[in-house]
Protein backbone atom coordinates (compact mmCIF):
# COMPACT_ATOMS: atom_id res chain seq x y z
CA UNK A 1 98.14 98.74 55.73
CA UNK A 2 97.22 98.58 51.60
CA UNK A 3 99.73 98.23 49.48
CA UNK A 4 101.12 99.95 46.72
CA UNK A 5 101.62 98.61 43.14
CA UNK A 6 104.57 97.50 43.96
CA UNK A 7 105.04 94.43 42.32
CA UNK A 8 108.53 93.38 44.34
CA UNK A 9 105.45 93.80 47.41
CA UNK A 10 104.22 91.13 46.57
CA UNK A 11 107.06 89.42 45.53
CA UNK A 12 108.10 89.77 48.60
CA UNK A 13 104.85 88.40 49.94
CA UNK A 14 104.65 85.47 48.37
CA UNK A 15 108.10 84.27 48.91
CA UNK A 16 107.77 85.21 53.33
CA UNK A 17 104.74 82.83 53.04
CA UNK A 18 106.21 79.80 51.45
CA UNK A 19 109.06 79.79 53.94
CA UNK A 20 109.31 82.66 56.50
CA UNK A 21 112.75 81.34 57.87
CA UNK A 22 114.29 82.43 54.19
CA UNK A 23 117.25 84.99 55.00
CA UNK A 24 117.52 88.34 54.25
CA UNK A 25 120.79 87.81 51.13
CA UNK A 26 117.76 85.02 49.72
CA UNK A 27 115.24 86.73 49.71
CA UNK A 28 117.10 89.74 48.01
CA UNK A 29 118.54 87.35 45.77
CA UNK A 30 115.12 86.33 44.59
CA UNK A 31 113.46 89.83 44.06
CA UNK A 32 116.46 91.34 42.60
CA UNK A 33 117.49 94.11 45.18
CA UNK A 34 120.40 95.41 46.88
CA UNK A 35 120.05 93.41 50.76
CA UNK A 36 119.80 96.67 52.22
CA UNK A 37 116.94 97.51 49.94
CA UNK A 38 114.95 94.01 50.73
CA UNK A 39 115.12 94.83 54.43
CA UNK A 40 114.13 97.90 54.17
CA UNK A 41 110.89 96.88 52.46
CA UNK A 42 110.49 93.84 54.65
CA UNK A 43 110.86 96.16 57.38
CA UNK A 44 108.53 98.20 56.14
CA UNK A 45 105.56 95.51 55.27
CA UNK A 46 106.03 94.85 59.54
CA UNK A 47 105.60 98.40 60.81
CA UNK A 48 102.61 98.78 58.85
CA UNK A 49 101.25 94.99 60.41
CA UNK A 50 101.29 93.43 56.54
CA UNK A 51 103.42 90.99 58.32
CA UNK A 52 102.49 89.98 61.27
CA UNK A 53 104.52 87.39 62.30
CA UNK A 54 106.34 84.40 61.99
CA UNK A 55 105.31 80.99 63.02
CA UNK A 56 106.43 77.10 62.83
CA UNK A 57 103.36 74.85 61.28
CA UNK A 58 102.85 72.09 64.08
CA UNK A 59 101.68 69.10 63.12
CA UNK A 60 98.31 67.95 64.46
CA UNK A 61 98.99 64.51 64.64
CA UNK A 62 102.15 64.22 65.97
CA UNK A 63 100.74 66.83 68.89
CA UNK A 64 98.20 64.46 70.03
CA UNK A 65 95.37 66.88 68.62
CA UNK A 66 94.03 65.34 65.42
CA UNK A 67 90.61 66.71 65.94
CA UNK A 68 89.43 69.19 64.66
CA UNK A 69 85.75 70.32 65.60
CA UNK A 70 83.96 73.54 64.94
CA UNK A 71 80.95 74.75 67.59
CA UNK A 72 78.78 77.09 66.86
CA UNK A 73 77.91 79.30 69.72
CA UNK A 74 74.69 81.63 69.77
CA UNK A 75 74.62 83.45 72.43
CA UNK A 76 71.26 84.87 74.95
CA UNK A 77 71.39 88.62 73.22
CA UNK A 78 74.38 90.92 71.25
CA UNK A 79 74.66 93.40 74.14
CA UNK A 80 78.19 95.43 73.36
CA UNK A 81 78.78 93.61 77.17
CA UNK A 82 78.53 90.36 76.33
CA UNK A 83 80.59 89.73 73.42
CA UNK A 84 83.38 92.27 74.91
CA UNK A 85 83.28 89.63 77.80
CA UNK A 86 82.28 86.40 75.29
CA UNK A 87 85.98 87.49 73.69
CA UNK A 88 87.49 87.57 76.26
CA UNK A 89 87.05 84.76 78.35
CA UNK A 90 87.37 82.79 74.62
CA UNK A 91 90.59 84.03 73.81
CA UNK A 92 91.73 82.54 76.78
CA UNK A 93 90.47 78.83 76.20
CA UNK A 94 93.11 76.09 75.27
CA UNK A 95 92.37 74.59 72.22
CA UNK A 96 90.29 77.36 70.85
CA UNK A 97 92.49 77.55 67.53
CA UNK A 98 90.42 80.63 65.98
CA UNK A 99 86.71 82.04 67.14
CA UNK A 100 84.69 84.43 64.25
CA UNK A 101 82.35 86.52 64.57
CA UNK A 102 79.22 85.50 62.91
CA UNK A 103 76.26 86.42 60.48
CA UNK A 104 73.53 83.46 60.56
CA UNK A 105 72.37 81.05 63.40
CA UNK A 106 74.99 81.39 65.74
CA UNK A 107 76.51 83.77 66.88
CA UNK A 108 80.68 82.60 67.02
CA UNK A 109 81.48 79.84 65.06
CA UNK A 110 85.23 78.31 66.88
CA UNK A 111 87.35 75.62 65.65
CA UNK A 112 89.07 73.68 68.60
CA UNK A 113 91.76 71.43 68.41
CA UNK A 114 91.60 67.96 70.98
CA UNK A 115 93.13 64.84 71.31
CA UNK A 116 89.82 62.86 70.78
CA UNK A 117 86.09 63.13 72.23
CA UNK A 118 86.55 62.28 75.74
CA UNK A 119 89.61 65.14 75.11
CA UNK A 120 87.08 68.02 73.94
CA UNK A 121 84.17 66.97 76.33
CA UNK A 122 86.45 68.15 79.20
CA UNK A 123 87.13 71.15 76.46
CA UNK A 124 83.73 71.06 76.41
CA UNK A 125 82.87 70.67 80.37
CA UNK A 126 85.58 73.10 81.57
CA UNK A 127 85.32 76.02 79.59
CA UNK A 128 83.06 76.04 76.88
CA UNK A 129 79.73 75.67 78.84
CA UNK A 130 80.79 78.60 81.35
CA UNK A 131 81.51 80.88 78.97
CA UNK A 132 79.08 83.71 79.69
CA UNK A 133 75.89 84.81 78.01
CA UNK A 134 76.01 80.60 76.16
CA UNK A 135 71.92 79.96 74.96
CA UNK A 136 73.01 76.69 72.68
CA UNK A 137 76.34 75.14 71.94
CA UNK A 138 76.33 72.88 68.41
CA UNK A 139 79.29 71.38 68.21
CA UNK A 140 80.52 69.11 64.71
CA UNK A 141 83.46 66.78 64.06
CA UNK A 142 84.97 66.83 61.05
CA UNK A 143 85.77 64.19 59.18
CA UNK A 144 88.82 64.31 57.38
CA UNK A 145 91.15 67.27 56.35
CA UNK A 146 90.50 68.17 52.72
CA UNK A 147 92.24 71.51 52.29
CA UNK A 148 93.98 73.75 54.41
CA UNK A 149 96.04 76.93 53.81
CA UNK A 150 98.40 78.99 55.99
CA UNK A 151 99.09 81.31 53.06
CA UNK A 152 97.23 83.33 50.88
CA UNK A 153 96.70 83.41 47.19
CA UNK A 154 99.15 84.08 44.90
CA UNK A 155 97.41 86.75 42.80
CA UNK A 156 97.05 89.00 46.24
CA UNK A 157 97.24 92.16 44.26
CA UNK A 158 94.28 90.94 42.32
CA UNK A 159 92.29 90.63 44.58
CA UNK A 160 93.18 94.11 45.87
CA UNK A 161 91.83 95.01 42.87
CA UNK A 162 88.42 93.89 42.94
CA UNK A 163 84.92 95.50 43.78
């Protein structure tokens, strides 16, 4: 769903990205609307798929999964059946935080979290190396995270109107 020109919707999105636990009363006060009007707008954004859900952002260190590994996977070929099979299996793999179908040298880029190199090796041997149609796996360990966001830019509406 692409939103219209309504600045109130954009403000709701900005505020909820900063604090998804904000009550409807707090949100309504911040956007200068009645609670019922605010509630209707949020429900419309949810039912339209703009707001897909609410989550808690957890600390990797506290969870014992401090390592970020970026894994490039190249398949033997790109038939529809193989792509579907690969994507179904990777979606169930523990430690895989995201998987992206790519252009360029590799077919997929995975973001994997692990406790340490031994834990990653276990994930590699048990899961990654057994994915269907894998021709090549290339893993890169992040030394540290420089920047990480959970929210889209505050100027969401400007991006919609570019291009």
